[in-house]
């Protein structure tokens, strides 16, 4: 009889469980201590936060709208995780440059940890990251980043790319494979010491998996996994990313093994040689807890390969598509090429005599905004920024697209307008708000190489080809809508590369 009095009903049990779950998953914004002077933001639901207010295919668009309402520093909740968003040129520059230490850590999402476990250079922090970034930057410079040596490598690759374009004989084709192969070979030649043939099966698989993982990382299901990793580890896209990683690691190990067999400590052919030689020296000197270990080598190589492939190739694909979309701009590009170069090979030094082409390339980077939310940062300690208290360990999104589309910095931010980078005399200049490579401690370490690639690949292709829509398609019908992915590619499309007279 007494047992029956104290036996809870099913509805009471369910209510208790739901109440506990709500309390457990309640966003930390309800903590009174953290609420002091913290940034404003939209009201958040328990457990879900603000995700019901987002289009997870393009959350940057929603964040830009929130910035208009709540200002350049505001907070949102992705599930139970609080994120502080920085918007606009002045705010992001102040945070990443003037407060570089406070905003300089990298947030390592559940998926990023699954992939790198804190190793490598993209998703790492602390002394290991500092040492590997310093080593990678120095080595990239030693092997020609921004110098004549890299110029020769790129110009050689331009000829292979032109040959591949020629094989289509003016018929429609998708530019994604050629552009990815070409840009992958530049970083490969610096990392491994040599390029790959385009029909090399291992090379094709490495490029395919890198591109697929970057695309899947931006998918809605993976974003949901990052919000609720304990509940959604089974999602298909995450499983595919992990399978791709496993295969890539195996390929890298085999490449490392073959390079070890011909390693000469007196001669470095590429970054991998330099790493192996440094690793051996530290082992011989019995250096404790050395950062130069095989795991860091594998993930450093993997990070550089992925980052050096997709971003540059994506920007070039946007550039070619924009030339087809706006033939009057392509005509001006051809005029400048013909006047400055004629039929001779382009060189990096020619950029000074090609202000219009330089402006077109920079405007492509600005309008495409291929990494709209940057890679996520994290505060290294408590900080008061623009009057708001931000707790140490808070995830921070520098909304780069809000810089590149800042209405107070650009005359016509939502249109393709090379004049953004030309003064009244037609000379090239770069506004301060041009920030596609981010800024501060975490800015892209391959910026110099990427800028050289963009100029040489773009000019070499436009010198040789006139780009047109496929037969039956007009310029007005070309869709400039962005695709879905962490790096924003154009949606799948085809174009025609017709050889210009005299080439």
Protein backbone atom coordinates (compact mmCIF):
# COMPACT_ATOMS: atom_id res chain seq x y z
CA UNK A 1 0.00 0.00 0.00
CA UNK A 2 2.78 2.42 0.99
CA UNK A 3 4.84 1.33 -2.07
CA UNK A 4 1.98 2.38 -4.35
CA UNK A 5 1.86 5.84 -2.77
CA UNK A 6 5.53 6.50 -3.54
CA UNK A 7 5.63 4.89 -7.02
CA UNK A 8 5.95 7.75 -9.55
CA UNK A 9 3.69 7.80 -12.57
CA UNK A 10 5.08 7.59 -16.11
CA UNK A 11 4.23 11.24 -16.76
CA UNK A 12 6.09 12.35 -13.63
CA UNK A 13 9.16 10.33 -14.66
CA UNK A 14 9.15 11.78 -18.15
CA UNK A 15 8.70 15.28 -16.79
CA UNK A 16 11.62 14.80 -14.41
CA UNK A 17 13.86 13.46 -17.17
CA UNK A 18 12.98 16.31 -19.51
CA UNK A 19 13.58 18.82 -16.72
CA UNK A 20 16.99 17.35 -15.97
CA UNK A 21 17.92 17.34 -19.66
CA UNK A 22 16.87 20.97 -20.04
CA UNK A 23 18.89 21.91 -16.94
CA UNK A 24 21.90 19.91 -18.15
CA UNK A 25 21.86 21.38 -21.66
CA UNK A 26 20.84 24.91 -20.62
CA UNK A 27 23.05 27.44 -22.45
CA UNK A 28 25.66 28.96 -20.22
CA UNK A 29 24.22 32.41 -20.92
CA UNK A 30 21.97 31.79 -17.95
CA UNK A 31 25.00 31.86 -15.63
CA UNK A 32 24.78 35.14 -13.76
CA UNK A 33 28.55 35.43 -13.49
CA UNK A 34 29.07 35.17 -17.23
CA UNK A 35 26.12 37.44 -18.01
CA UNK A 36 27.98 40.52 -16.80
CA UNK A 37 28.33 42.92 -19.73
CA UNK A 38 28.49 40.08 -22.21
CA UNK A 39 27.64 40.72 -25.88
CA UNK A 40 23.99 40.94 -26.92
CA UNK A 41 22.33 38.39 -29.17
CA UNK A 42 19.09 36.66 -30.05
CA UNK A 43 17.23 34.69 -27.39
CA UNK A 44 18.34 31.08 -27.27
CA UNK A 45 16.31 27.94 -26.65
CA UNK A 46 17.52 25.35 -24.15
CA UNK A 47 19.37 22.50 -25.87
CA UNK A 48 18.86 23.89 -29.40
CA UNK A 49 20.26 27.38 -28.85
CA UNK A 50 19.70 29.42 -32.02
CA UNK A 51 20.08 26.66 -34.60
CA UNK A 52 16.41 26.83 -35.59
CA UNK A 53 17.11 30.39 -36.77
CA UNK A 54 19.92 29.28 -39.10
CA UNK A 55 20.15 27.93 -42.61
CA UNK A 56 22.93 25.44 -41.87
CA UNK A 57 23.90 25.40 -45.54
CA UNK A 58 24.92 29.08 -45.31
CA UNK A 59 24.98 30.17 -41.65
CA UNK A 60 27.20 33.14 -42.53
CA UNK A 61 24.19 34.85 -44.14
CA UNK A 62 22.19 34.57 -40.93
CA UNK A 63 25.13 35.87 -38.91
CA UNK A 64 25.42 38.90 -41.20
CA UNK A 65 21.73 39.65 -40.59
CA UNK A 66 22.20 39.30 -36.83
CA UNK A 67 25.13 41.75 -37.03
CA UNK A 68 22.81 44.39 -38.50
CA UNK A 69 20.49 43.97 -35.52
CA UNK A 70 22.87 43.35 -32.60
CA UNK A 71 26.02 45.16 -33.69
CA UNK A 72 29.59 44.11 -34.55
CA UNK A 73 30.07 41.98 -31.41
CA UNK A 74 27.26 39.58 -30.52
CA UNK A 75 26.65 36.08 -29.27
CA UNK A 76 24.69 33.12 -30.60
CA UNK A 77 24.32 29.51 -29.48
CA UNK A 78 25.03 26.59 -31.75
CA UNK A 79 23.20 24.01 -29.68
CA UNK A 80 24.53 24.44 -26.15
CA UNK A 81 27.77 26.09 -27.28
CA UNK A 82 28.11 29.84 -27.00
CA UNK A 83 29.84 31.55 -29.91
CA UNK A 84 30.85 35.20 -30.02
CA UNK A 85 30.70 36.61 -33.56
CA UNK A 86 32.83 39.52 -34.72
CA UNK A 87 31.57 41.47 -37.73
CA UNK A 88 32.84 44.35 -39.86
CA UNK A 89 36.33 45.43 -40.84
CA UNK A 90 37.16 47.68 -37.87
CA UNK A 91 36.01 45.18 -35.25
CA UNK A 92 37.70 42.14 -36.76
CA UNK A 93 40.96 43.99 -37.37
CA UNK A 94 40.97 45.29 -33.80
CA UNK A 95 40.36 41.81 -32.38
CA UNK A 96 42.78 39.83 -34.53
CA UNK A 97 45.59 42.41 -34.66
CA UNK A 98 45.37 44.56 -31.52
CA UNK A 99 44.14 41.69 -29.32
CA UNK A 100 46.04 38.97 -31.17
CA UNK A 101 46.99 37.04 -28.03
CA UNK A 102 43.48 37.06 -26.55
CA UNK A 103 41.78 36.01 -29.80
CA UNK A 104 44.65 33.93 -31.17
CA UNK A 105 43.81 30.37 -30.11
CA UNK A 106 42.14 27.92 -32.46
CA UNK A 107 38.84 26.32 -31.52
CA UNK A 108 39.10 22.59 -32.10
CA UNK A 109 35.62 21.28 -32.87
CA UNK A 110 34.71 17.63 -32.22
CA UNK A 111 35.26 16.79 -35.89
CA UNK A 112 38.57 18.66 -36.01
CA UNK A 113 39.71 16.66 -33.00
CA UNK A 114 38.53 13.43 -34.64
CA UNK A 115 40.73 14.29 -37.62
CA UNK A 116 43.86 15.82 -36.09
CA UNK A 117 43.83 15.09 -32.34
CA UNK A 118 45.56 18.44 -31.79
CA UNK A 119 48.45 17.63 -34.16
CA UNK A 120 49.59 19.52 -37.26
CA UNK A 121 49.17 23.27 -37.82
CA UNK A 122 45.54 24.01 -38.73
CA UNK A 123 43.72 22.67 -35.67
CA UNK A 124 46.29 22.87 -32.91
CA UNK A 125 47.34 25.20 -30.10
CA UNK A 126 50.21 25.69 -27.70
CA UNK A 127 53.91 25.13 -28.21
CA UNK A 128 53.46 22.37 -30.78
CA UNK A 129 51.42 24.67 -33.03
CA UNK A 130 53.87 27.57 -32.61
CA UNK A 131 56.87 25.42 -33.48
CA UNK A 132 55.27 23.69 -36.46
CA UNK A 133 53.85 26.92 -37.87
CA UNK A 134 57.27 28.59 -37.55
CA UNK A 135 58.95 25.61 -39.21
CA UNK A 136 56.37 25.43 -42.02
CA UNK A 137 56.52 29.16 -42.74
CA UNK A 138 60.32 29.20 -42.80
CA UNK A 139 60.49 26.13 -45.02
CA UNK A 140 57.85 27.41 -47.43
CA UNK A 141 59.91 30.58 -47.81
CA UNK A 142 63.12 28.59 -48.26
CA UNK A 143 61.49 26.68 -51.11
CA UNK A 144 60.44 29.78 -52.91
CA UNK A 145 57.15 31.08 -51.51
CA UNK A 146 57.01 34.55 -53.05
CA UNK A 147 60.36 34.03 -54.80
CA UNK A 148 61.69 33.11 -58.24
CA UNK A 149 61.91 29.38 -57.42
CA UNK A 150 58.16 29.15 -56.79
CA UNK A 151 57.51 31.23 -59.91
CA UNK A 152 59.30 28.63 -62.05
CA UNK A 153 57.31 25.79 -60.48
CA UNK A 154 54.02 27.59 -61.14
CA UNK A 155 54.90 28.51 -64.71
CA UNK A 156 55.83 24.91 -65.41
CA UNK A 157 52.47 23.81 -64.01
CA UNK A 158 50.71 26.44 -66.12
CA UNK A 159 51.88 24.62 -69.24
CA UNK A 160 50.47 21.31 -67.99
CA UNK A 161 47.18 23.04 -67.16
CA UNK A 162 46.99 24.73 -70.56
CA UNK A 163 47.61 21.36 -72.20
CA UNK A 164 44.74 19.86 -70.21
CA UNK A 165 42.43 22.72 -71.24
CA UNK A 166 43.51 22.21 -74.87
CA UNK A 167 42.38 18.58 -74.74
CA UNK A 168 38.75 19.72 -74.52
CA UNK A 169 39.14 21.48 -77.92
CA UNK A 170 36.77 24.30 -77.04
CA UNK A 171 34.00 21.99 -75.84
CA UNK A 172 32.25 22.47 -72.47
CA UNK A 173 33.98 21.03 -69.39
CA UNK A 174 33.99 21.33 -65.61
CA UNK A 175 37.04 23.28 -64.39
CA UNK A 176 37.17 21.71 -60.92
CA UNK A 177 39.42 18.74 -61.71
CA UNK A 178 42.03 20.65 -63.79
CA UNK A 179 42.27 23.52 -61.31
CA UNK A 180 42.56 21.24 -58.30
CA UNK A 181 45.26 19.15 -59.94
CA UNK A 182 47.30 22.22 -60.88
CA UNK A 183 47.18 23.90 -57.48
CA UNK A 184 47.73 20.58 -55.68
CA UNK A 185 50.91 20.09 -57.66
CA UNK A 186 52.35 23.40 -56.50
CA UNK A 187 52.05 22.54 -52.81
CA UNK A 188 53.11 18.95 -53.59
CA UNK A 189 56.30 20.12 -55.30
CA UNK A 190 57.15 22.20 -52.22
CA UNK A 191 56.20 19.51 -49.69
CA UNK A 192 57.43 16.38 -51.48
CA UNK A 193 60.04 17.93 -53.76
CA UNK A 194 58.34 16.93 -57.02
CA UNK A 195 55.02 17.18 -58.83
CA UNK A 196 52.63 14.37 -59.77
CA UNK A 197 51.37 13.45 -63.20
CA UNK A 198 47.66 14.22 -63.54
CA UNK A 199 46.87 10.57 -64.29
CA UNK A 200 48.66 9.31 -61.15
CA UNK A 201 45.99 7.31 -59.29
CA UNK A 202 47.33 8.06 -55.81
CA UNK A 203 47.47 11.78 -56.61
CA UNK A 204 43.93 11.76 -57.98
CA UNK A 205 42.67 10.03 -54.83
CA UNK A 206 44.52 12.44 -52.53
CA UNK A 207 42.97 15.43 -54.31
CA UNK A 208 39.51 13.87 -54.44
CA UNK A 209 39.48 13.00 -50.74
CA UNK A 210 40.82 16.41 -49.68
CA UNK A 211 38.14 18.20 -51.69
CA UNK A 212 35.39 15.87 -50.48
CA UNK A 213 36.35 16.28 -46.82
CA UNK A 214 36.39 20.07 -47.08
CA UNK A 215 32.97 20.00 -48.72
CA UNK A 216 31.46 17.57 -46.21
CA UNK A 217 32.88 19.52 -43.27
CA UNK A 218 30.51 22.36 -44.14
CA UNK A 219 27.44 20.13 -44.50
CA UNK A 220 24.49 20.60 -42.13
CA UNK A 221 24.80 17.09 -40.64
CA UNK A 222 28.46 17.61 -39.72
CA UNK A 223 27.62 20.97 -38.15
CA UNK A 224 24.95 19.23 -36.08
CA UNK A 225 27.50 16.58 -35.07
CA UNK A 226 29.83 19.33 -33.83
CA UNK A 227 26.96 20.66 -31.69
CA UNK A 228 25.90 17.27 -30.31
CA UNK A 229 28.88 14.90 -30.75
CA UNK A 230 27.67 12.36 -28.20
CA UNK A 231 24.36 11.97 -29.94
CA UNK A 232 25.30 12.21 -33.63
CA UNK A 233 28.62 10.42 -34.07
CA UNK A 234 26.86 8.04 -36.45
CA UNK A 235 26.07 10.64 -39.16
CA UNK A 236 27.02 9.44 -42.62
CA UNK A 237 29.10 12.46 -43.62
CA UNK A 238 31.27 12.20 -40.52
CA UNK A 239 31.88 8.51 -41.17
CA UNK A 240 32.86 9.28 -44.79
CA UNK A 241 35.29 12.00 -43.64
CA UNK A 242 36.96 9.57 -41.26
CA UNK A 243 37.27 6.89 -43.96
CA UNK A 244 38.82 9.44 -46.30
CA UNK A 245 41.28 10.46 -43.59
CA UNK A 246 42.30 6.86 -42.96
CA UNK A 247 43.06 6.33 -46.65
CA UNK A 248 44.91 9.64 -46.91
CA UNK A 249 47.10 8.88 -43.89
CA UNK A 250 48.02 5.54 -45.45
CA UNK A 251 48.98 7.25 -48.73
CA UNK A 252 51.07 9.84 -46.90
CA UNK A 253 52.86 7.13 -44.92
CA UNK A 254 53.77 5.36 -48.15
CA UNK A 255 55.05 8.62 -49.68
CA UNK A 256 57.10 9.32 -46.54
CA UNK A 257 58.56 5.81 -46.72
CA UNK A 258 59.63 6.22 -50.36
CA UNK A 259 61.17 9.64 -49.66
CA UNK A 260 63.08 8.26 -46.65
CA UNK A 261 64.73 5.69 -48.91
CA UNK A 262 66.37 8.41 -50.99
CA UNK A 263 66.89 10.97 -48.20
CA UNK A 264 70.17 12.88 -48.30
CA UNK A 265 70.82 14.86 -45.09
CA UNK A 266 72.91 17.32 -47.10
CA UNK A 267 70.15 18.20 -49.58
CA UNK A 268 66.54 19.13 -48.85
CA UNK A 269 64.25 18.53 -51.82
CA UNK A 270 61.12 19.69 -50.02
CA UNK A 271 59.47 20.34 -46.68
CA UNK A 272 59.17 16.64 -45.94
CA UNK A 273 62.96 16.19 -46.28
CA UNK A 274 63.55 19.12 -43.93
CA UNK A 275 61.17 17.68 -41.35
CA UNK A 276 62.75 14.22 -41.48
CA UNK A 277 66.26 15.65 -41.13
CA UNK A 278 65.16 17.81 -38.18
CA UNK A 279 63.42 14.80 -36.62
CA UNK A 280 66.58 12.70 -36.88
CA UNK A 281 68.74 15.45 -35.36
CA UNK A 282 66.45 15.77 -32.35
CA UNK A 283 66.36 12.00 -31.90
CA UNK A 284 70.18 11.88 -32.04
CA UNK A 285 70.32 14.69 -29.44
CA UNK A 286 67.79 12.89 -27.21
CA UNK A 287 65.43 15.88 -27.24
CA UNK A 288 62.53 15.15 -24.91
CA UNK A 289 58.95 15.66 -26.09
CA UNK A 290 60.08 16.74 -29.54
CA UNK A 291 57.39 18.22 -31.79
CA UNK A 292 59.17 16.64 -34.75
CA UNK A 293 57.50 13.25 -34.64
CA UNK A 294 55.78 11.12 -37.27
CA UNK A 295 52.26 12.04 -36.17
CA UNK A 296 52.91 15.78 -36.49
CA UNK A 297 54.62 15.16 -39.82
CA UNK A 298 51.64 13.29 -41.25
CA UNK A 299 49.11 15.90 -40.17
CA UNK A 300 51.30 18.86 -41.13
CA UNK A 301 51.64 17.42 -44.64
CA UNK A 302 47.91 16.64 -44.75
CA UNK A 303 46.99 20.16 -43.57
CA UNK A 304 49.26 21.88 -46.09
CA UNK A 305 48.06 19.71 -48.96
CA UNK A 306 44.36 20.34 -48.25
CA UNK A 307 44.76 24.06 -47.54
CA UNK A 308 47.07 24.60 -50.50
CA UNK A 309 44.75 22.83 -52.92
CA UNK A 310 41.15 23.83 -52.41
CA UNK A 311 41.34 27.52 -51.54
CA UNK A 312 43.44 28.60 -54.53
CA UNK A 313 41.65 26.29 -56.97
CA UNK A 314 38.26 27.54 -55.76
CA UNK A 315 39.28 31.18 -56.20
CA UNK A 316 40.54 30.49 -59.72
CA UNK A 317 37.31 28.69 -60.63
CA UNK A 318 35.34 31.74 -59.46
CA UNK A 319 37.65 33.96 -61.50
CA UNK A 320 37.12 31.98 -64.71
CA UNK A 321 33.35 31.84 -64.16
CA UNK A 322 33.21 35.60 -63.60
CA UNK A 323 35.10 36.16 -66.85
CA UNK A 324 32.40 34.17 -68.66
CA UNK A 325 29.62 35.98 -66.82
CA UNK A 326 31.05 39.42 -67.62
CA UNK A 327 32.58 39.27 -71.13
CA UNK A 328 33.21 43.03 -71.21
CA UNK A 329 35.57 42.62 -68.25
CA UNK A 330 37.23 39.61 -69.91
CA UNK A 331 37.77 41.77 -73.00
CA UNK A 332 39.58 44.40 -70.92
CA UNK A 333 41.74 41.63 -69.41
CA UNK A 334 42.67 40.43 -72.91
CA UNK A 335 43.47 43.98 -73.99
CA UNK A 336 45.88 44.47 -71.09
CA UNK A 337 47.49 41.07 -71.66
CA UNK A 338 48.00 41.76 -75.36
CA UNK A 339 49.42 45.22 -74.70
CA UNK A 340 51.83 44.20 -71.94
CA UNK A 341 52.79 40.65 -72.91
CA UNK A 342 51.95 40.02 -76.52
CA UNK A 343 52.77 36.34 -76.96
CA UNK A 344 55.62 36.05 -74.44
CA UNK A 345 55.29 34.16 -71.15
CA UNK A 346 54.01 36.10 -68.17
CA UNK A 347 56.26 36.75 -65.16
CA UNK A 348 55.43 37.89 -61.64
CA UNK A 349 57.13 41.24 -62.27
CA UNK A 350 54.55 41.95 -64.98
CA UNK A 351 51.92 42.48 -62.31
CA UNK A 352 53.11 46.07 -61.87
CA UNK A 353 52.18 46.80 -65.50
CA UNK A 354 48.80 45.05 -65.22
CA UNK A 355 46.75 47.07 -62.72
CA UNK A 356 43.41 46.06 -64.22
CA UNK A 357 44.15 42.32 -64.07
CA UNK A 358 45.46 42.73 -60.53
CA UNK A 359 42.21 44.46 -59.64
CA UNK A 360 40.12 41.71 -61.28
CA UNK A 361 41.92 39.01 -59.27
CA UNK A 362 41.53 40.88 -55.98
CA UNK A 363 37.87 41.62 -56.70
CA UNK A 364 37.33 37.91 -57.39
CA UNK A 365 38.77 37.08 -53.97
CA UNK A 366 36.61 39.74 -52.34
CA UNK A 367 33.31 38.85 -53.99
CA UNK A 368 33.80 35.06 -53.79
CA UNK A 369 34.59 35.25 -50.04
CA UNK A 370 35.39 31.55 -50.12
CA UNK A 371 35.95 31.14 -46.34
CA UNK A 372 33.09 33.34 -45.08
CA UNK A 373 33.40 32.52 -41.36
CA UNK A 374 37.15 31.95 -41.32
CA UNK A 375 38.41 29.04 -39.24
CA UNK A 376 36.97 29.37 -35.73
CA UNK A 377 39.09 31.06 -33.06
CA UNK A 378 38.94 30.73 -29.28
CA UNK A 379 39.81 33.22 -26.57
CA UNK A 380 42.98 32.28 -24.72
CA UNK A 381 41.87 34.10 -21.56
CA UNK A 382 39.15 36.39 -20.21
CA UNK A 383 39.02 39.61 -22.19
CA UNK A 384 36.94 42.78 -22.22
CA UNK A 385 36.55 43.82 -25.83
CA UNK A 386 34.62 46.90 -26.98
CA UNK A 387 33.04 47.03 -23.53
CA UNK A 388 31.89 43.40 -23.53
CA UNK A 389 33.19 40.65 -21.26
CA UNK A 390 34.19 37.49 -23.13
CA UNK A 391 35.21 34.52 -21.03
CA UNK A 392 38.43 32.62 -21.77
CA UNK A 393 37.80 29.51 -23.85
CA UNK A 394 34.88 31.09 -25.74
CA UNK A 395 34.56 30.17 -29.43
CA UNK A 396 34.89 33.20 -31.70
CA UNK A 397 33.85 33.50 -35.34
CA UNK A 398 35.61 36.33 -37.21
CA UNK A 399 32.98 36.81 -39.93
CA UNK A 400 35.34 37.51 -42.84
CA UNK A 401 32.52 37.89 -45.34
CA UNK A 402 31.29 40.89 -43.30
CA UNK A 403 34.68 42.51 -43.92
CA UNK A 404 34.77 41.77 -47.63
CA UNK A 405 31.15 42.98 -47.97
CA UNK A 406 31.38 45.82 -45.44
CA UNK A 407 29.06 48.53 -46.79
CA UNK A 408 31.08 51.26 -45.10
CA UNK A 409 34.30 50.13 -46.84
CA UNK A 410 33.22 49.15 -50.37
CA UNK A 411 31.37 51.26 -52.94
CA UNK A 412 29.26 48.37 -54.29
CA UNK A 413 29.94 45.38 -52.04
CA UNK A 414 27.47 42.96 -53.65
CA UNK A 415 28.54 43.41 -57.28
CA UNK A 416 31.64 42.40 -59.23
CA UNK A 417 33.44 45.72 -59.52
CA UNK A 418 37.23 45.73 -60.18
CA UNK A 419 37.16 49.51 -59.66
CA UNK A 420 37.23 48.76 -55.93
CA UNK A 421 40.97 48.26 -56.43
CA UNK A 422 41.70 51.08 -58.90
CA UNK A 423 42.29 54.75 -58.16
CA UNK A 424 41.13 57.64 -60.33
CA UNK A 425 44.21 57.26 -62.54
CA UNK A 426 43.59 53.55 -63.08
CA UNK A 427 46.45 52.48 -60.82
CA UNK A 428 46.07 49.48 -58.55
CA UNK A 429 45.67 49.96 -54.82
CA UNK A 430 44.61 47.61 -52.04
CA UNK A 431 42.07 48.89 -49.48
CA UNK A 432 42.70 47.98 -45.84
CA UNK A 433 39.41 46.06 -45.75
CA UNK A 434 40.74 43.46 -48.21
CA UNK A 435 41.22 40.59 -45.76
CA UNK A 436 40.58 37.21 -47.48
CA UNK A 437 43.57 35.61 -45.74
CA UNK A 438 42.38 36.73 -42.28
CA UNK A 439 44.82 38.61 -40.02
CA UNK A 440 46.89 38.30 -36.87
CA UNK A 441 48.49 35.17 -35.48
CA UNK A 442 46.27 32.81 -37.44
CA UNK A 443 46.40 34.45 -40.86
CA UNK A 444 47.02 32.10 -43.78
CA UNK A 445 50.71 31.13 -43.81
CA UNK A 446 50.54 30.38 -47.55
CA UNK A 447 49.36 33.87 -48.53
CA UNK A 448 52.49 34.70 -50.56
CA UNK A 449 52.31 31.46 -52.51
CA UNK A 450 48.57 31.79 -53.13
CA UNK A 451 48.91 35.34 -54.49
CA UNK A 452 51.63 34.24 -56.91
CA UNK A 453 49.56 31.23 -58.05
CA UNK A 454 46.44 33.32 -58.61
CA UNK A 455 48.26 35.83 -60.76
CA UNK A 456 50.28 33.38 -62.87
CA UNK A 457 47.53 30.80 -63.42
CA UNK A 458 44.89 33.42 -64.20
CA UNK A 459 47.01 35.41 -66.64
CA UNK A 460 48.42 32.30 -68.36
CA UNK A 461 44.94 30.89 -68.98
CA UNK A 462 43.41 34.19 -70.11
CA UNK A 463 46.36 34.89 -72.39
CA UNK A 464 45.80 31.58 -74.16
CA UNK A 465 42.00 31.19 -74.06
CA UNK A 466 38.75 33.08 -74.53
CA UNK A 467 36.24 31.75 -72.03
CA UNK A 468 32.61 31.38 -73.10
CA UNK A 469 29.39 29.77 -71.83
CA UNK A 470 28.41 26.32 -73.17
CA UNK A 471 26.45 26.41 -76.46
CA UNK A 472 22.84 27.46 -75.91
CA UNK A 473 23.61 29.21 -72.60
CA UNK A 474 23.76 33.00 -72.32
CA UNK A 475 25.87 34.98 -69.86
CA UNK A 476 22.69 36.07 -68.06
CA UNK A 477 21.76 32.42 -67.46
CA UNK A 478 25.03 31.62 -65.68
CA UNK A 479 24.35 31.04 -61.99
CA UNK A 480 26.73 32.66 -59.50
CA UNK A 481 25.04 31.02 -56.52
CA UNK A 482 27.57 29.56 -54.07
CA UNK A 483 27.70 25.86 -53.35
CA UNK A 484 27.58 24.21 -49.92
CA UNK A 485 30.82 23.52 -48.09
CA UNK A 486 33.27 24.90 -45.57
CA UNK A 487 35.04 26.51 -48.54
CA UNK A 488 32.48 28.11 -50.84
CA UNK A 489 32.85 26.80 -54.40
CA UNK A 490 30.71 27.84 -57.36
CA UNK A 491 27.88 25.39 -57.95
CA UNK A 492 28.76 22.73 -60.58
CA UNK A 493 29.03 24.32 -64.00
CA UNK A 494 30.77 24.03 -67.35
CA UNK A 495 32.49 26.54 -69.59
CA UNK A 496 34.34 26.52 -72.90
CA UNK A 497 38.01 27.51 -73.32
CA UNK A 498 38.52 28.55 -76.93
CA UNK A 499 42.11 29.10 -78.12
CA UNK A 500 42.75 32.73 -78.97
CA UNK A 501 44.13 33.64 -82.35
CA UNK A 502 47.92 33.54 -82.43
CA UNK A 503 48.28 30.96 -79.63
